[in-house]
Amino acid sequence: MNSGYTDLSKLRWHKSSYSSGNGGNCIEVAETPTTILVRDTQHRNLGYLVFPLTEWTLFLRNLKNGFC
């Protein structure tokens, strides 16, 4: 899926507050108007995954409710 966002350099990437500072297994997320981008903090240059905003929202809701 294409993010539909052409200027990726202007995205604000966010890392979870639960991530440790010792370089563990962390991801970062960035939001566009219609998608969520997810990347590995240790391998940022390898690209990112793109999820439709509606699917990401449903995933987080299910996670919060214990379905994942």
N, C-alpha and C. Protein backbone atom coordinates (compact mmCIF):
# COMPACT_ATOMS: atom_id res chain seq x y z
N MET A 1 0.84 -1.17 0.00
CA MET A 1 0.00 0.00 0.00
C MET A 1 0.89 1.24 0.00
N ASN A 2 0.53 2.19 -0.77
CA ASN A 2 1.25 3.46 -0.83
C ASN A 2 0.71 4.38 0.26
N SER A 3 1.60 5.11 0.90
CA SER A 3 1.17 6.01 1.97
C SER A 3 0.38 7.19 1.43
N GLY A 4 0.52 7.49 0.15
CA GLY A 4 -0.15 8.63 -0.43
C GLY A 4 0.45 9.96 0.01
N TYR A 5 1.55 9.89 0.68
CA TYR A 5 2.21 11.07 1.23
C TYR A 5 3.54 11.21 0.54
N THR A 6 3.76 12.30 -0.15
CA THR A 6 4.95 12.40 -0.99
C THR A 6 6.19 12.91 -0.28
N ASP A 7 6.05 13.72 0.76
CA ASP A 7 7.22 14.28 1.43
C ASP A 7 7.43 13.61 2.79
N LEU A 8 8.04 12.44 2.77
CA LEU A 8 8.24 11.67 4.00
C LEU A 8 9.20 12.35 4.96
N SER A 9 10.03 13.25 4.48
CA SER A 9 10.98 13.93 5.36
C SER A 9 10.29 14.84 6.37
N LYS A 10 9.06 15.22 6.10
CA LYS A 10 8.33 16.11 7.01
C LYS A 10 7.46 15.37 8.02
N LEU A 11 7.46 14.05 7.95
CA LEU A 11 6.67 13.28 8.90
C LEU A 11 7.27 13.37 10.30
N ARG A 12 6.42 13.37 11.30
CA ARG A 12 6.88 13.33 12.69
C ARG A 12 6.73 11.89 13.18
N TRP A 13 7.85 11.25 13.43
CA TRP A 13 7.86 9.87 13.90
C TRP A 13 7.82 9.87 15.42
N HIS A 14 7.04 8.95 15.99
CA HIS A 14 6.88 8.85 17.44
C HIS A 14 7.23 7.45 17.90
N LYS A 15 7.99 7.38 18.97
CA LYS A 15 8.35 6.09 19.57
C LYS A 15 7.56 5.94 20.86
N SER A 16 7.15 4.73 21.15
CA SER A 16 6.38 4.46 22.36
C SER A 16 7.12 4.88 23.62
N SER A 17 6.39 5.39 24.58
CA SER A 17 7.00 5.73 25.87
C SER A 17 7.39 4.47 26.63
N TYR A 18 6.90 3.31 26.19
CA TYR A 18 7.27 2.04 26.82
C TYR A 18 8.58 1.50 26.28
N SER A 19 9.11 2.10 25.23
CA SER A 19 10.37 1.65 24.65
C SER A 19 11.52 1.95 25.60
N SER A 20 12.43 1.01 25.67
CA SER A 20 13.58 1.22 26.54
C SER A 20 14.62 2.06 25.82
N GLY A 21 15.48 2.68 26.56
CA GLY A 21 16.53 3.51 25.99
C GLY A 21 17.77 2.74 25.60
N ASN A 22 17.76 1.42 25.77
CA ASN A 22 18.97 0.63 25.51
C ASN A 22 18.98 -0.02 24.13
N GLY A 23 18.18 0.49 23.20
CA GLY A 23 18.21 -0.04 21.83
C GLY A 23 17.50 -1.35 21.65
N GLY A 24 16.46 -1.58 22.42
CA GLY A 24 15.70 -2.82 22.32
C GLY A 24 14.83 -2.86 21.07
N ASN A 25 13.86 -3.75 21.10
CA ASN A 25 12.95 -3.93 19.98
C ASN A 25 11.88 -2.85 19.99
N CYS A 26 12.11 -1.78 19.25
CA CYS A 26 11.19 -0.65 19.25
C CYS A 26 10.72 -0.35 17.84
N ILE A 27 9.53 0.22 17.77
CA ILE A 27 9.03 0.72 16.50
C ILE A 27 8.68 2.19 16.65
N GLU A 28 8.58 2.86 15.53
CA GLU A 28 8.12 4.24 15.48
C GLU A 28 6.92 4.29 14.55
N VAL A 29 6.02 5.21 14.81
CA VAL A 29 4.87 5.40 13.94
C VAL A 29 4.78 6.86 13.51
N ALA A 30 4.26 7.07 12.33
CA ALA A 30 3.99 8.41 11.81
C ALA A 30 2.60 8.38 11.18
N GLU A 31 1.92 9.51 11.24
CA GLU A 31 0.55 9.58 10.73
C GLU A 31 0.46 10.54 9.56
N THR A 32 -0.22 10.10 8.51
CA THR A 32 -0.60 10.97 7.40
C THR A 32 -2.11 11.15 7.51
N PRO A 33 -2.72 11.95 6.67
CA PRO A 33 -4.17 12.12 6.78
C PRO A 33 -4.98 10.83 6.65
N THR A 34 -4.46 9.83 5.95
CA THR A 34 -5.23 8.60 5.72
C THR A 34 -4.52 7.32 6.11
N THR A 35 -3.26 7.39 6.53
CA THR A 35 -2.50 6.17 6.82
C THR A 35 -1.63 6.32 8.06
N ILE A 36 -1.20 5.18 8.56
CA ILE A 36 -0.21 5.10 9.63
C ILE A 36 0.99 4.35 9.06
N LEU A 37 2.17 4.91 9.26
CA LEU A 37 3.41 4.28 8.81
C LEU A 37 4.13 3.76 10.04
N VAL A 38 4.68 2.56 9.94
CA VAL A 38 5.37 1.91 11.05
C VAL A 38 6.74 1.46 10.57
N ARG A 39 7.78 1.76 11.37
CA ARG A 39 9.14 1.34 10.99
C ARG A 39 9.91 0.88 12.23
N ASP A 40 10.94 0.11 11.97
CA ASP A 40 11.84 -0.41 13.00
C ASP A 40 12.86 0.66 13.34
N THR A 41 13.02 0.97 14.61
CA THR A 41 13.95 2.03 15.01
C THR A 41 15.41 1.65 14.74
N GLN A 42 15.71 0.36 14.71
CA GLN A 42 17.09 -0.06 14.47
C GLN A 42 17.43 -0.14 12.98
N HIS A 43 16.40 -0.14 12.13
CA HIS A 43 16.62 -0.28 10.69
C HIS A 43 15.72 0.69 9.92
N ARG A 44 15.79 1.94 10.26
CA ARG A 44 14.93 2.96 9.64
C ARG A 44 15.10 3.02 8.12
N ASN A 45 16.30 2.74 7.65
CA ASN A 45 16.59 2.84 6.22
C ASN A 45 15.98 1.70 5.41
N LEU A 46 15.43 0.69 6.06
CA LEU A 46 14.86 -0.45 5.33
C LEU A 46 13.40 -0.24 4.94
N GLY A 47 12.85 0.93 5.25
CA GLY A 47 11.48 1.21 4.83
C GLY A 47 10.50 1.15 5.98
N TYR A 48 9.24 1.04 5.63
CA TYR A 48 8.17 1.10 6.62
C TYR A 48 6.96 0.33 6.10
N LEU A 49 6.08 -0.01 7.01
CA LEU A 49 4.80 -0.63 6.68
C LEU A 49 3.75 0.46 6.67
N VAL A 50 2.75 0.32 5.82
CA VAL A 50 1.68 1.31 5.71
C VAL A 50 0.35 0.64 6.02
N PHE A 51 -0.42 1.24 6.92
CA PHE A 51 -1.73 0.74 7.28
C PHE A 51 -2.77 1.84 7.10
N PRO A 52 -3.95 1.50 6.55
CA PRO A 52 -5.02 2.49 6.50
C PRO A 52 -5.37 2.94 7.92
N LEU A 53 -5.67 4.20 8.08
CA LEU A 53 -5.96 4.76 9.40
C LEU A 53 -7.10 4.00 10.08
N THR A 54 -8.12 3.61 9.33
CA THR A 54 -9.26 2.89 9.92
C THR A 54 -8.83 1.54 10.47
N GLU A 55 -7.97 0.82 9.75
CA GLU A 55 -7.50 -0.48 10.23
C GLU A 55 -6.60 -0.34 11.46
N TRP A 56 -5.75 0.67 11.47
CA TRP A 56 -4.88 0.91 12.62
C TRP A 56 -5.70 1.23 13.86
N THR A 57 -6.73 2.05 13.69
CA THR A 57 -7.60 2.41 14.81
C THR A 57 -8.30 1.18 15.36
N LEU A 58 -8.80 0.31 14.48
CA LEU A 58 -9.44 -0.92 14.91
C LEU A 58 -8.44 -1.83 15.62
N PHE A 59 -7.22 -1.94 15.10
CA PHE A 59 -6.18 -2.74 15.75
C PHE A 59 -5.93 -2.25 17.17
N LEU A 60 -5.76 -0.94 17.35
CA LEU A 60 -5.51 -0.38 18.69
C LEU A 60 -6.69 -0.61 19.62
N ARG A 61 -7.90 -0.48 19.11
CA ARG A 61 -9.09 -0.72 19.93
C ARG A 61 -9.13 -2.18 20.40
N ASN A 62 -8.87 -3.10 19.48
CA ASN A 62 -8.86 -4.52 19.84
C ASN A 62 -7.73 -4.85 20.81
N LEU A 63 -6.59 -4.23 20.63
CA LEU A 63 -5.47 -4.42 21.55
C LEU A 63 -5.84 -3.96 22.95
N LYS A 64 -6.45 -2.79 23.03
CA LYS A 64 -6.86 -2.22 24.32
C LYS A 64 -7.89 -3.10 25.01
N ASN A 65 -8.76 -3.73 24.22
CA ASN A 65 -9.82 -4.57 24.77
C ASN A 65 -9.40 -6.02 24.97
N GLY A 66 -8.13 -6.33 24.74
CA GLY A 66 -7.61 -7.67 25.00
C GLY A 66 -7.88 -8.69 23.92
N PHE A 67 -8.20 -8.26 22.70
CA PHE A 67 -8.48 -9.20 21.62
C PHE A 67 -7.24 -9.58 20.83
N CYS A 68 -6.10 -8.99 21.12
CA CYS A 68 -4.86 -9.29 20.37
C CYS A 68 -3.85 -9.90 21.32
